[in-house]
Amino acid sequence: MSLYIPHKIQPAHYNCKFNGTTSKVYISQGLVFKRLRKNAHKIIDDLSSELKMLENAYTVKGLHTPEPYGIHNILIKDPFEEQEAYHDTLVMSLSSGKLMSELSNSHHLSYQINELFGDQIDIALNAGFDLFDVEPHNALYDAKNHSVNLIDLAGWEMT
């Protein structure tokens, strides 16, 4: 059974997020769609470099990252833009959890979560990744599985 990638998405306004100054992220139909913003100052070459990092990271045992589904030309009806438009879009699985940067500061819990975050960083470094922008705003804490998922691999490289 193959995964269905929609050719058009129309996400609700609360599922449209800016990812810094470089990209825009949409959540729709259980997937994440990431596109580069128009006229954005690009600190990444293009979506294909992030796709390559996701493909490599997803195969590393113990490293929790979204599953990549490729780059697709998707018609996006962004509620904050006048017209719908086609965009080259990196499609990936939706990781569960809450951004670490939005968690409350319960000392005991935050210590445990930061340990899990550090473990993920160690696994990535030991696997040969040169990390970029690995911060709490690019990591999700999944309370159900007591794990940390690293998201936004833009700028990562293999050493």
Protein backbone atom coordinates (compact mmCIF):
# COMPACT_ATOMS: atom_id res chain seq x y z
CA MET A 1 0.00 0.00 0.00
CA SER A 2 1.47 3.36 -0.99
CA LEU A 3 0.92 6.63 0.81
CA TYR A 4 -1.47 9.06 -0.84
CA ILE A 5 0.07 12.52 -1.31
CA PRO A 6 -2.65 15.06 -2.12
CA HIS A 7 -2.11 17.40 -5.06
CA LYS A 8 -3.99 20.23 -3.35
CA ILE A 9 -4.23 21.28 0.29
CA GLN A 10 -6.36 23.91 1.98
CA PRO A 11 -5.19 23.97 5.59
CA ALA A 12 -7.00 25.88 8.32
CA HIS A 13 -5.34 29.12 9.44
CA TYR A 14 -4.12 27.55 12.72
CA ASN A 15 -2.28 24.88 10.70
CA CYS A 16 -0.14 27.43 8.80
CA LYS A 17 3.12 28.31 10.53
CA PHE A 18 6.15 30.35 9.60
CA ASN A 19 9.37 28.46 10.13
CA GLY A 20 11.72 31.32 10.83
CA THR A 21 12.33 33.55 7.82
CA THR A 22 12.97 30.81 5.29
CA SER A 23 9.90 28.63 4.98
CA LYS A 24 6.25 28.08 5.70
CA VAL A 25 4.85 24.87 7.13
CA TYR A 26 1.34 23.51 6.68
CA ILE A 27 -0.35 20.61 8.43
CA SER A 28 -3.04 18.90 6.41
CA GLN A 29 -4.43 15.40 6.09
CA GLY A 30 -2.05 14.02 8.70
CA LEU A 31 1.04 15.23 6.84
CA VAL A 32 3.46 18.15 7.05
CA PHE A 33 4.06 20.28 3.94
CA LYS A 34 7.05 22.63 3.95
CA ARG A 35 7.73 25.22 1.26
CA LEU A 36 10.24 28.00 0.93
CA ARG A 37 8.84 31.48 1.40
CA LYS A 38 8.86 33.94 -1.48
CA ASN A 39 11.71 36.44 -1.27
CA ALA A 40 13.01 34.82 1.90
CA HIS A 41 16.61 35.20 2.93
CA LYS A 42 17.67 31.59 2.36
CA ILE A 43 20.04 29.95 4.78
CA ILE A 44 19.40 26.67 3.02
CA ASP A 45 20.03 25.95 -0.63
CA ASP A 46 16.70 24.31 -1.31
CA LEU A 47 14.31 21.69 -0.04
CA SER A 48 16.27 18.86 -1.64
CA SER A 49 19.13 19.23 0.85
CA GLU A 50 16.70 18.89 3.76
CA LEU A 51 15.05 15.91 2.07
CA LYS A 52 18.45 14.22 1.80
CA MET A 53 19.11 14.80 5.51
CA LEU A 54 15.66 13.47 6.43
CA GLU A 55 16.20 10.37 4.31
CA ASN A 56 19.54 9.72 6.01
CA ALA A 57 18.35 10.57 9.54
CA TYR A 58 15.20 8.48 9.29
CA THR A 59 17.29 5.32 8.85
CA VAL A 60 19.47 5.91 11.94
CA LYS A 61 18.50 3.59 14.78
CA GLY A 62 17.23 5.55 17.79
CA LEU A 63 17.06 8.90 16.00
CA HIS A 64 13.53 10.29 15.96
CA THR A 65 12.79 12.44 12.89
CA PRO A 66 9.81 12.73 10.52
CA GLU A 67 9.52 10.19 7.74
CA PRO A 68 10.22 11.91 4.39
CA TYR A 69 7.87 11.40 1.44
CA GLY A 70 9.71 13.47 -1.16
CA ILE A 71 9.27 16.82 -2.83
CA HIS A 72 5.97 17.33 -4.63
CA ASN A 73 4.43 20.22 -6.53
CA ILE A 74 1.38 20.97 -4.40
CA LEU A 75 -1.42 23.46 -5.02
CA ILE A 76 -1.74 25.34 -1.72
CA LYS A 77 -4.69 27.49 -0.74
CA ASP A 78 -3.07 29.45 2.05
CA PRO A 79 -5.71 31.30 4.10
CA PHE A 80 -3.29 34.24 4.47
CA GLU A 81 -2.58 34.68 0.76
CA GLU A 82 -4.93 36.03 -1.90
CA GLN A 83 -4.53 33.27 -4.47
CA GLU A 84 -3.81 29.60 -4.35
CA ALA A 85 -0.53 28.67 -5.98
CA TYR A 86 1.65 25.68 -6.79
CA HIS A 87 4.76 25.26 -4.66
CA ASP A 88 7.55 22.73 -4.55
CA THR A 89 6.84 21.24 -1.16
CA LEU A 90 8.74 18.85 1.08
CA VAL A 91 6.21 16.33 2.38
CA MET A 92 6.85 14.39 5.59
CA SER A 93 5.05 12.55 8.35
CA LEU A 94 3.48 14.50 11.18
CA SER A 95 5.46 13.86 14.36
CA SER A 96 3.48 13.81 17.56
CA GLY A 97 4.28 15.97 20.54
CA LYS A 98 4.55 19.56 21.67
CA LEU A 99 7.37 21.96 20.86
CA MET A 100 9.90 21.81 23.67
CA SER A 101 10.09 25.61 23.64
CA GLU A 102 6.39 25.73 24.65
CA LEU A 103 6.60 23.35 27.60
CA SER A 104 6.19 24.51 31.18
CA ASN A 105 9.32 24.60 33.30
CA SER A 106 8.57 21.86 35.83
CA HIS A 107 12.13 21.24 37.04
CA HIS A 108 11.95 17.44 37.22
CA LEU A 109 10.17 17.02 33.91
CA SER A 110 12.30 19.57 32.06
CA TYR A 111 15.47 17.83 33.27
CA GLN A 112 14.21 14.50 31.90
CA ILE A 113 13.13 16.06 28.60
CA ASN A 114 16.44 17.87 28.19
CA GLU A 115 18.22 14.55 28.77
CA LEU A 116 16.15 12.98 25.97
CA PHE A 117 16.90 16.01 23.75
CA GLY A 118 20.62 15.64 24.47
CA ASP A 119 20.43 11.93 23.66
CA GLN A 120 18.92 12.73 20.25
CA ILE A 121 21.70 15.25 19.56
CA ASP A 122 24.33 12.66 20.56
CA ILE A 123 22.77 10.02 18.29
CA ALA A 124 22.75 12.46 15.36
CA LEU A 125 26.35 13.54 15.94
CA ASN A 126 27.53 9.93 16.32
CA ALA A 127 25.77 9.06 13.05
CA GLY A 128 27.90 11.65 11.24
CA PHE A 129 25.58 14.64 11.03
CA ASP A 130 26.84 18.20 11.30
CA LEU A 131 23.90 19.85 13.07
CA PHE A 132 22.41 23.28 12.51
CA ASP A 133 19.73 25.07 14.56
CA VAL A 134 19.05 22.14 16.89
CA GLU A 135 17.11 24.10 19.49
CA PRO A 136 13.98 23.48 21.59
CA HIS A 137 11.86 25.26 18.94
CA ASN A 138 12.93 22.51 16.49
CA ALA A 139 12.14 19.56 18.76
CA LEU A 140 8.89 17.98 19.91
CA TYR A 141 8.39 16.24 23.23
CA ASP A 142 6.01 13.29 22.87
CA ALA A 143 4.64 12.67 26.39
CA LYS A 144 2.80 9.51 25.36
CA ASN A 145 6.04 7.81 24.23
CA HIS A 146 8.33 9.85 26.52
CA SER A 147 10.55 10.72 23.57
CA VAL A 148 11.92 13.73 21.71
CA ASN A 149 11.52 14.11 17.95
CA LEU A 150 13.89 16.39 16.04
CA ILE A 151 12.19 18.40 13.32
CA ASP A 152 13.48 20.94 10.79
CA LEU A 153 16.70 19.42 9.52
CA ALA A 154 17.38 22.36 7.19
CA GLY A 155 21.05 23.19 7.27
CA TRP A 156 22.14 19.77 8.53
CA GLU A 157 25.01 18.13 6.65
CA MET A 158 26.78 14.79 6.65
CA THR A 159 30.37 14.97 7.86
